[in-house]
Amino acid sequence: MRTVTARVGAALVMAAAGVAATHAISSADPTAPGQVTYTLSTAGPAEFTVTYLTAQPPSKDAFNADSYSFMKRETITVTPDAPWTFSTTFADPQWAFLQVSSTTRGGQAAPNAHCEINVDGQVAIAQDAPYSPQCLLSKW
């Protein structure tokens, strides 16, 4: 009986910790200005094309009219000990956008990429994918 009680207690503690962590991320004011940091890391060395928002557009129409005024696209090499990062500030961090495309060629192992967007030091979104993860916040 004691073993069952201990397991149930441990499960409740883990569930509460999960709810607390989720709440901390989701309770952030989505319209408050914030420091946005994009990160791309990998399990193995690989080359990627990254497309990311560097400046906040005033509207979706402005972005659609001239997207390259607000974003950058570049080819980078990432290794397990040297992730790629870029930081900027947005009046509304929900505009944050990071799209990753692996340039891995046949015969190479999947780089197992991980993208992340942090807002004011808190993880807002993260995604893992063998080749090409995407991290987008709510404006997209």
N, C-alpha and C. Protein backbone atom coordinates (compact mmCIF):
# COMPACT_ATOMS: atom_id res chain seq x y z
N MET A 1 0.82 -1.19 0.00
CA MET A 1 0.00 0.00 0.00
C MET A 1 0.87 1.26 0.00
N ARG A 2 1.98 1.23 0.77
CA ARG A 2 2.85 2.39 0.85
C ARG A 2 3.47 2.68 -0.52
N THR A 3 3.85 1.65 -1.29
CA THR A 3 4.44 1.83 -2.60
C THR A 3 3.47 2.52 -3.55
N VAL A 4 2.21 2.10 -3.52
CA VAL A 4 1.19 2.72 -4.37
C VAL A 4 1.01 4.18 -3.99
N THR A 5 0.94 4.48 -2.70
CA THR A 5 0.79 5.85 -2.23
C THR A 5 1.97 6.71 -2.66
N ALA A 6 3.18 6.18 -2.55
CA ALA A 6 4.37 6.93 -2.95
C ALA A 6 4.35 7.21 -4.45
N ARG A 7 3.95 6.23 -5.26
CA ARG A 7 3.90 6.43 -6.71
C ARG A 7 2.85 7.46 -7.10
N VAL A 8 1.68 7.40 -6.47
CA VAL A 8 0.63 8.38 -6.75
C VAL A 8 1.10 9.77 -6.33
N GLY A 9 1.73 9.87 -5.17
CA GLY A 9 2.25 11.16 -4.71
C GLY A 9 3.28 11.72 -5.67
N ALA A 10 4.20 10.88 -6.14
CA ALA A 10 5.23 11.32 -7.08
C ALA A 10 4.59 11.77 -8.39
N ALA A 11 3.57 11.04 -8.85
CA ALA A 11 2.89 11.41 -10.09
C ALA A 11 2.20 12.76 -9.94
N LEU A 12 1.59 13.02 -8.79
CA LEU A 12 0.93 14.30 -8.57
C LEU A 12 1.93 15.45 -8.53
N VAL A 13 3.08 15.22 -7.93
CA VAL A 13 4.13 16.25 -7.89
C VAL A 13 4.60 16.56 -9.30
N MET A 14 4.83 15.52 -10.12
CA MET A 14 5.27 15.73 -11.50
C MET A 14 4.20 16.46 -12.31
N ALA A 15 2.95 16.10 -12.14
CA ALA A 15 1.85 16.77 -12.86
C ALA A 15 1.77 18.23 -12.46
N ALA A 16 1.90 18.52 -11.19
CA ALA A 16 1.85 19.90 -10.71
C ALA A 16 3.02 20.71 -11.27
N ALA A 17 4.19 20.10 -11.34
CA ALA A 17 5.35 20.78 -11.90
C ALA A 17 5.13 21.08 -13.37
N GLY A 18 4.52 20.16 -14.11
CA GLY A 18 4.22 20.38 -15.53
C GLY A 18 3.25 21.51 -15.73
N VAL A 19 2.21 21.56 -14.92
CA VAL A 19 1.22 22.64 -15.00
C VAL A 19 1.88 23.97 -14.65
N ALA A 20 2.73 23.99 -13.64
CA ALA A 20 3.41 25.24 -13.26
C ALA A 20 4.31 25.73 -14.39
N ALA A 21 5.05 24.84 -15.02
CA ALA A 21 5.94 25.23 -16.11
C ALA A 21 5.14 25.74 -17.30
N THR A 22 4.05 25.06 -17.65
CA THR A 22 3.21 25.48 -18.76
C THR A 22 2.58 26.83 -18.45
N HIS A 23 2.12 27.01 -17.24
CA HIS A 23 1.48 28.26 -16.84
C HIS A 23 2.46 29.43 -16.93
N ALA A 24 3.69 29.22 -16.52
CA ALA A 24 4.68 30.29 -16.55
C ALA A 24 4.90 30.79 -17.97
N ILE A 25 4.89 29.90 -18.94
CA ILE A 25 5.10 30.29 -20.32
C ILE A 25 3.85 30.96 -20.88
N SER A 26 2.69 30.38 -20.65
CA SER A 26 1.47 30.88 -21.27
C SER A 26 0.93 32.13 -20.60
N SER A 27 1.34 32.44 -19.39
CA SER A 27 0.79 33.61 -18.70
C SER A 27 1.51 34.90 -19.06
N ALA A 28 2.59 34.82 -19.83
CA ALA A 28 3.30 36.03 -20.23
C ALA A 28 2.38 36.89 -21.09
N ASP A 29 2.43 38.19 -20.92
CA ASP A 29 1.61 39.12 -21.70
C ASP A 29 2.07 39.07 -23.16
N PRO A 30 1.24 38.56 -24.08
CA PRO A 30 1.67 38.39 -25.46
C PRO A 30 1.87 39.70 -26.21
N THR A 31 1.43 40.83 -25.66
CA THR A 31 1.58 42.09 -26.36
C THR A 31 2.62 43.02 -25.72
N ALA A 32 3.29 42.58 -24.67
CA ALA A 32 4.30 43.41 -24.02
C ALA A 32 5.59 43.37 -24.83
N PRO A 33 6.32 44.51 -24.92
CA PRO A 33 7.61 44.49 -25.63
C PRO A 33 8.53 43.44 -25.01
N GLY A 34 9.34 42.83 -25.84
CA GLY A 34 10.20 41.80 -25.29
C GLY A 34 11.44 41.52 -26.11
N GLN A 35 12.44 41.02 -25.41
CA GLN A 35 13.68 40.57 -26.03
C GLN A 35 13.43 39.19 -26.60
N VAL A 36 13.58 39.04 -27.90
CA VAL A 36 13.35 37.77 -28.59
C VAL A 36 14.69 37.18 -28.99
N THR A 37 14.91 35.91 -28.63
CA THR A 37 16.14 35.22 -29.02
C THR A 37 15.77 33.94 -29.74
N TYR A 38 16.30 33.81 -30.96
CA TYR A 38 16.14 32.60 -31.74
C TYR A 38 17.37 31.72 -31.50
N THR A 39 17.16 30.41 -31.40
CA THR A 39 18.28 29.48 -31.23
C THR A 39 18.04 28.27 -32.12
N LEU A 40 19.11 27.82 -32.77
CA LEU A 40 19.09 26.57 -33.53
C LEU A 40 20.27 25.74 -33.05
N SER A 41 19.99 24.53 -32.61
CA SER A 41 21.05 23.62 -32.17
C SER A 41 20.84 22.28 -32.86
N THR A 42 21.89 21.45 -32.85
CA THR A 42 21.83 20.15 -33.53
C THR A 42 22.56 19.08 -32.75
N ALA A 43 22.25 17.85 -33.11
CA ALA A 43 22.95 16.70 -32.51
C ALA A 43 24.24 16.41 -33.27
N GLY A 44 24.34 16.89 -34.50
CA GLY A 44 25.53 16.67 -35.32
C GLY A 44 25.76 17.87 -36.21
N PRO A 45 26.97 18.06 -36.71
CA PRO A 45 27.25 19.22 -37.55
C PRO A 45 26.42 19.19 -38.83
N ALA A 46 25.88 20.34 -39.22
CA ALA A 46 25.05 20.41 -40.42
C ALA A 46 24.94 21.86 -40.90
N GLU A 47 24.61 21.98 -42.16
CA GLU A 47 24.36 23.28 -42.76
C GLU A 47 22.86 23.48 -42.90
N PHE A 48 22.40 24.69 -42.62
CA PHE A 48 20.98 25.01 -42.67
C PHE A 48 20.78 26.35 -43.37
N THR A 49 19.61 26.51 -43.95
CA THR A 49 19.14 27.82 -44.37
C THR A 49 18.13 28.25 -43.33
N VAL A 50 18.36 29.40 -42.70
CA VAL A 50 17.44 29.92 -41.69
C VAL A 50 16.79 31.19 -42.22
N THR A 51 15.51 31.31 -41.97
CA THR A 51 14.76 32.51 -42.31
C THR A 51 14.11 32.97 -41.02
N TYR A 52 14.33 34.24 -40.66
CA TYR A 52 13.83 34.72 -39.38
C TYR A 52 13.51 36.20 -39.44
N LEU A 53 12.57 36.61 -38.62
CA LEU A 53 12.16 38.00 -38.54
C LEU A 53 13.18 38.77 -37.71
N THR A 54 13.71 39.86 -38.27
CA THR A 54 14.69 40.67 -37.57
C THR A 54 14.08 41.96 -37.01
N ALA A 55 12.98 42.40 -37.63
CA ALA A 55 12.31 43.63 -37.21
C ALA A 55 10.81 43.41 -37.31
N GLN A 56 10.08 43.98 -36.41
CA GLN A 56 8.63 43.80 -36.40
C GLN A 56 7.97 44.68 -37.45
N PRO A 57 7.17 44.11 -38.33
CA PRO A 57 6.43 44.94 -39.29
C PRO A 57 5.25 45.61 -38.59
N PRO A 58 4.78 46.73 -39.12
CA PRO A 58 3.63 47.40 -38.51
C PRO A 58 2.33 46.61 -38.70
N SER A 59 2.28 45.75 -39.73
CA SER A 59 1.08 44.96 -40.00
C SER A 59 1.43 43.80 -40.93
N LYS A 60 0.50 42.86 -41.07
CA LYS A 60 0.70 41.77 -42.03
C LYS A 60 0.74 42.30 -43.46
N ASP A 61 -0.06 43.33 -43.74
CA ASP A 61 -0.05 43.92 -45.08
C ASP A 61 1.33 44.50 -45.40
N ALA A 62 1.94 45.19 -44.44
CA ALA A 62 3.28 45.75 -44.65
C ALA A 62 4.29 44.63 -44.87
N PHE A 63 4.17 43.56 -44.10
CA PHE A 63 5.08 42.43 -44.27
C PHE A 63 4.90 41.80 -45.66
N ASN A 64 3.66 41.58 -46.06
CA ASN A 64 3.39 40.97 -47.36
C ASN A 64 3.86 41.84 -48.52
N ALA A 65 3.81 43.15 -48.35
CA ALA A 65 4.24 44.07 -49.40
C ALA A 65 5.75 44.08 -49.59
N ASP A 66 6.51 43.87 -48.51
CA ASP A 66 7.97 43.94 -48.60
C ASP A 66 8.59 43.11 -47.48
N SER A 67 8.43 41.81 -47.54
CA SER A 67 8.86 40.93 -46.44
C SER A 67 10.35 41.01 -46.14
N TYR A 68 11.18 41.22 -47.17
CA TYR A 68 12.62 41.22 -46.92
C TYR A 68 13.11 42.47 -46.18
N SER A 69 12.23 43.43 -45.96
CA SER A 69 12.59 44.57 -45.10
C SER A 69 12.56 44.17 -43.63
N PHE A 70 11.88 43.08 -43.33
CA PHE A 70 11.67 42.67 -41.94
C PHE A 70 12.33 41.35 -41.58
N MET A 71 12.82 40.62 -42.58
CA MET A 71 13.38 39.31 -42.28
C MET A 71 14.70 39.11 -42.99
N LYS A 72 15.39 38.07 -42.56
CA LYS A 72 16.69 37.75 -43.14
C LYS A 72 16.70 36.26 -43.45
N ARG A 73 17.40 35.92 -44.50
CA ARG A 73 17.58 34.52 -44.88
C ARG A 73 19.07 34.31 -45.13
N GLU A 74 19.62 33.29 -44.46
CA GLU A 74 21.04 33.03 -44.62
C GLU A 74 21.34 31.54 -44.44
N THR A 75 22.46 31.13 -44.96
CA THR A 75 22.92 29.76 -44.81
C THR A 75 23.99 29.74 -43.73
N ILE A 76 23.83 28.83 -42.78
CA ILE A 76 24.74 28.77 -41.62
C ILE A 76 25.16 27.33 -41.38
N THR A 77 26.24 27.16 -40.65
CA THR A 77 26.67 25.85 -40.20
C THR A 77 26.54 25.81 -38.69
N VAL A 78 25.92 24.75 -38.19
CA VAL A 78 25.70 24.59 -36.75
C VAL A 78 26.32 23.28 -36.32
N THR A 79 26.97 23.29 -35.17
CA THR A 79 27.54 22.08 -34.60
C THR A 79 26.99 21.90 -33.19
N PRO A 80 27.10 20.70 -32.63
CA PRO A 80 26.57 20.49 -31.28
C PRO A 80 27.16 21.44 -30.23
N ASP A 81 28.42 21.83 -30.40
CA ASP A 81 29.04 22.71 -29.41
C ASP A 81 28.97 24.19 -29.80
N ALA A 82 28.32 24.50 -30.93
CA ALA A 82 28.22 25.89 -31.37
C ALA A 82 26.84 26.15 -31.99
N PRO A 83 25.80 26.30 -31.15
CA PRO A 83 24.47 26.62 -31.70
C PRO A 83 24.45 28.02 -32.30
N TRP A 84 23.50 28.27 -33.17
CA TRP A 84 23.31 29.59 -33.77
C TRP A 84 22.27 30.33 -32.95
N THR A 85 22.50 31.62 -32.69
CA THR A 85 21.52 32.45 -32.00
C THR A 85 21.45 33.82 -32.65
N PHE A 86 20.30 34.45 -32.50
CA PHE A 86 20.09 35.82 -32.95
C PHE A 86 19.10 36.45 -31.99
N SER A 87 19.37 37.68 -31.55
CA SER A 87 18.47 38.39 -30.62
C SER A 87 18.03 39.71 -31.20
N THR A 88 16.80 40.08 -30.90
CA THR A 88 16.22 41.34 -31.31
C THR A 88 15.13 41.71 -30.31
N THR A 89 14.57 42.90 -30.43
CA THR A 89 13.47 43.32 -29.57
C THR A 89 12.27 43.66 -30.45
N PHE A 90 11.11 43.14 -30.06
CA PHE A 90 9.87 43.44 -30.76
C PHE A 90 8.91 44.10 -29.78
N ALA A 91 8.13 45.07 -30.27
CA ALA A 91 7.08 45.65 -29.43
C ALA A 91 6.05 44.57 -29.09
N ASP A 92 5.81 43.67 -30.04
CA ASP A 92 4.91 42.53 -29.82
C ASP A 92 5.67 41.26 -30.17
N PRO A 93 6.22 40.55 -29.19
CA PRO A 93 7.02 39.36 -29.46
C PRO A 93 6.28 38.24 -30.19
N GLN A 94 4.96 38.31 -30.26
CA GLN A 94 4.20 37.28 -30.97
C GLN A 94 4.47 37.26 -32.47
N TRP A 95 5.22 38.25 -32.97
CA TRP A 95 5.64 38.27 -34.37
C TRP A 95 6.84 37.35 -34.63
N ALA A 96 7.47 36.84 -33.61
CA ALA A 96 8.69 36.04 -33.77
C ALA A 96 8.47 34.85 -34.70
N PHE A 97 9.48 34.61 -35.56
CA PHE A 97 9.36 33.62 -36.63
C PHE A 97 10.75 33.08 -36.95
N LEU A 98 10.93 31.77 -36.89
CA LEU A 98 12.18 31.12 -37.28
C LEU A 98 11.85 29.87 -38.07
N GLN A 99 12.24 29.87 -39.33
CA GLN A 99 12.04 28.71 -40.20
C GLN A 99 13.41 28.15 -40.54
N VAL A 100 13.56 26.84 -40.40
CA VAL A 100 14.85 26.18 -40.60
C VAL A 100 14.71 25.13 -41.70
N SER A 101 15.65 25.14 -42.63
CA SER A 101 15.68 24.12 -43.68
C SER A 101 17.06 23.51 -43.72
N SER A 102 17.13 22.21 -43.53
CA SER A 102 18.41 21.51 -43.58
C SER A 102 18.87 21.39 -45.02
N THR A 103 20.15 21.57 -45.24
CA THR A 103 20.72 21.38 -46.57
C THR A 103 21.46 20.04 -46.64
N THR A 104 21.15 19.14 -45.70
CA THR A 104 21.77 17.82 -45.65
C THR A 104 21.53 17.08 -46.96
N ARG A 105 22.58 16.48 -47.47
CA ARG A 105 22.50 15.74 -48.73
C ARG A 105 22.42 14.24 -48.44
N GLY A 106 22.04 13.49 -49.45
CA GLY A 106 21.94 12.05 -49.32
C GLY A 106 23.22 11.43 -48.77
N GLY A 107 23.06 10.42 -47.96
CA GLY A 107 24.22 9.74 -47.38
C GLY A 107 24.66 10.34 -46.05
N GLN A 108 24.12 11.48 -45.67
CA GLN A 108 24.46 12.10 -44.39
C GLN A 108 23.37 11.76 -43.37
N ALA A 109 23.77 11.63 -42.14
CA ALA A 109 22.80 11.37 -41.07
C ALA A 109 21.96 12.62 -40.82
N ALA A 110 20.75 12.41 -40.36
CA ALA A 110 19.88 13.53 -39.99
C ALA A 110 20.55 14.33 -38.88
N PRO A 111 20.56 15.67 -38.98
CA PRO A 111 21.20 16.47 -37.94
C PRO A 111 20.41 16.57 -36.64
N ASN A 112 19.13 16.14 -36.65
CA ASN A 112 18.28 16.23 -35.45
C ASN A 112 18.30 17.64 -34.88
N ALA A 113 17.69 18.54 -35.62
CA ALA A 113 17.71 19.96 -35.29
C ALA A 113 16.67 20.31 -34.21
N HIS A 114 16.99 21.35 -33.46
CA HIS A 114 16.12 21.87 -32.41
C HIS A 114 16.08 23.39 -32.55
N CYS A 115 14.86 23.94 -32.77
CA CYS A 115 14.72 25.40 -32.80
C CYS A 115 13.97 25.85 -31.56
N GLU A 116 14.23 27.09 -31.20
CA GLU A 116 13.63 27.62 -29.98
C GLU A 116 13.50 29.13 -30.13
N ILE A 117 12.38 29.66 -29.63
CA ILE A 117 12.22 31.11 -29.50
C ILE A 117 12.02 31.40 -28.02
N ASN A 118 12.90 32.25 -27.50
CA ASN A 118 12.80 32.70 -26.11
C ASN A 118 12.34 34.15 -26.11
N VAL A 119 11.42 34.47 -25.22
CA VAL A 119 10.97 35.85 -25.03
C VAL A 119 11.29 36.23 -23.59
N ASP A 120 12.13 37.22 -23.45
CA ASP A 120 12.58 37.67 -22.13
C ASP A 120 13.12 36.52 -21.28
N GLY A 121 13.87 35.63 -21.93
CA GLY A 121 14.52 34.54 -21.21
C GLY A 121 13.65 33.32 -20.96
N GLN A 122 12.39 33.35 -21.37
CA GLN A 122 11.47 32.22 -21.18
C GLN A 122 11.22 31.55 -22.53
N VAL A 123 11.23 30.23 -22.56
CA VAL A 123 10.94 29.51 -23.79
C VAL A 123 9.48 29.74 -24.16
N ALA A 124 9.26 30.32 -25.34
CA ALA A 124 7.90 30.56 -25.83
C ALA A 124 7.45 29.41 -26.72
N ILE A 125 8.39 28.85 -27.48
CA ILE A 125 8.09 27.69 -28.33
C ILE A 125 9.41 27.00 -28.66
N ALA A 126 9.32 25.69 -28.83
CA ALA A 126 10.49 24.88 -29.23
C ALA A 126 9.98 23.73 -30.08
N GLN A 127 10.80 23.32 -31.03
CA GLN A 127 10.43 22.18 -31.85
C GLN A 127 11.68 21.39 -32.23
N ASP A 128 11.55 20.08 -32.22
CA ASP A 128 12.59 19.17 -32.67
C ASP A 128 12.13 18.52 -33.96
N ALA A 129 13.07 18.32 -34.90
CA ALA A 129 12.76 17.62 -36.14
C ALA A 129 14.07 17.03 -36.68
N PRO A 130 13.98 15.93 -37.40
CA PRO A 130 15.21 15.35 -37.94
C PRO A 130 15.97 16.33 -38.83
N TYR A 131 15.25 17.16 -39.61
CA TYR A 131 15.90 18.05 -40.55
C TYR A 131 15.50 19.52 -40.44
N SER A 132 14.21 19.82 -40.46
CA SER A 132 13.76 21.20 -40.66
C SER A 132 12.65 21.62 -39.68
N PRO A 133 13.00 21.98 -38.46
CA PRO A 133 11.97 22.44 -37.51
C PRO A 133 11.52 23.87 -37.84
N GLN A 134 10.35 24.24 -37.35
CA GLN A 134 9.84 25.61 -37.47
C GLN A 134 9.37 26.08 -36.11
N CYS A 135 9.71 27.29 -35.77
CA CYS A 135 9.24 27.89 -34.52
C CYS A 135 8.56 29.21 -34.88
N LEU A 136 7.25 29.27 -34.64
CA LEU A 136 6.45 30.45 -34.99
C LEU A 136 5.56 30.79 -33.80
N LEU A 137 5.41 32.06 -33.52
CA LEU A 137 4.47 32.45 -32.48
C LEU A 137 3.13 32.85 -33.11
N SER A 138 2.22 33.41 -32.36
CA SER A 138 0.81 33.49 -32.76
C SER A 138 0.46 34.39 -33.93
N LYS A 139 1.29 35.32 -34.32
CA LYS A 139 0.95 36.20 -35.45
C LYS A 139 1.01 35.46 -36.78
N TRP A 140 1.56 34.27 -36.80
CA TRP A 140 1.72 33.52 -38.05
C TRP A 140 0.69 32.44 -38.14
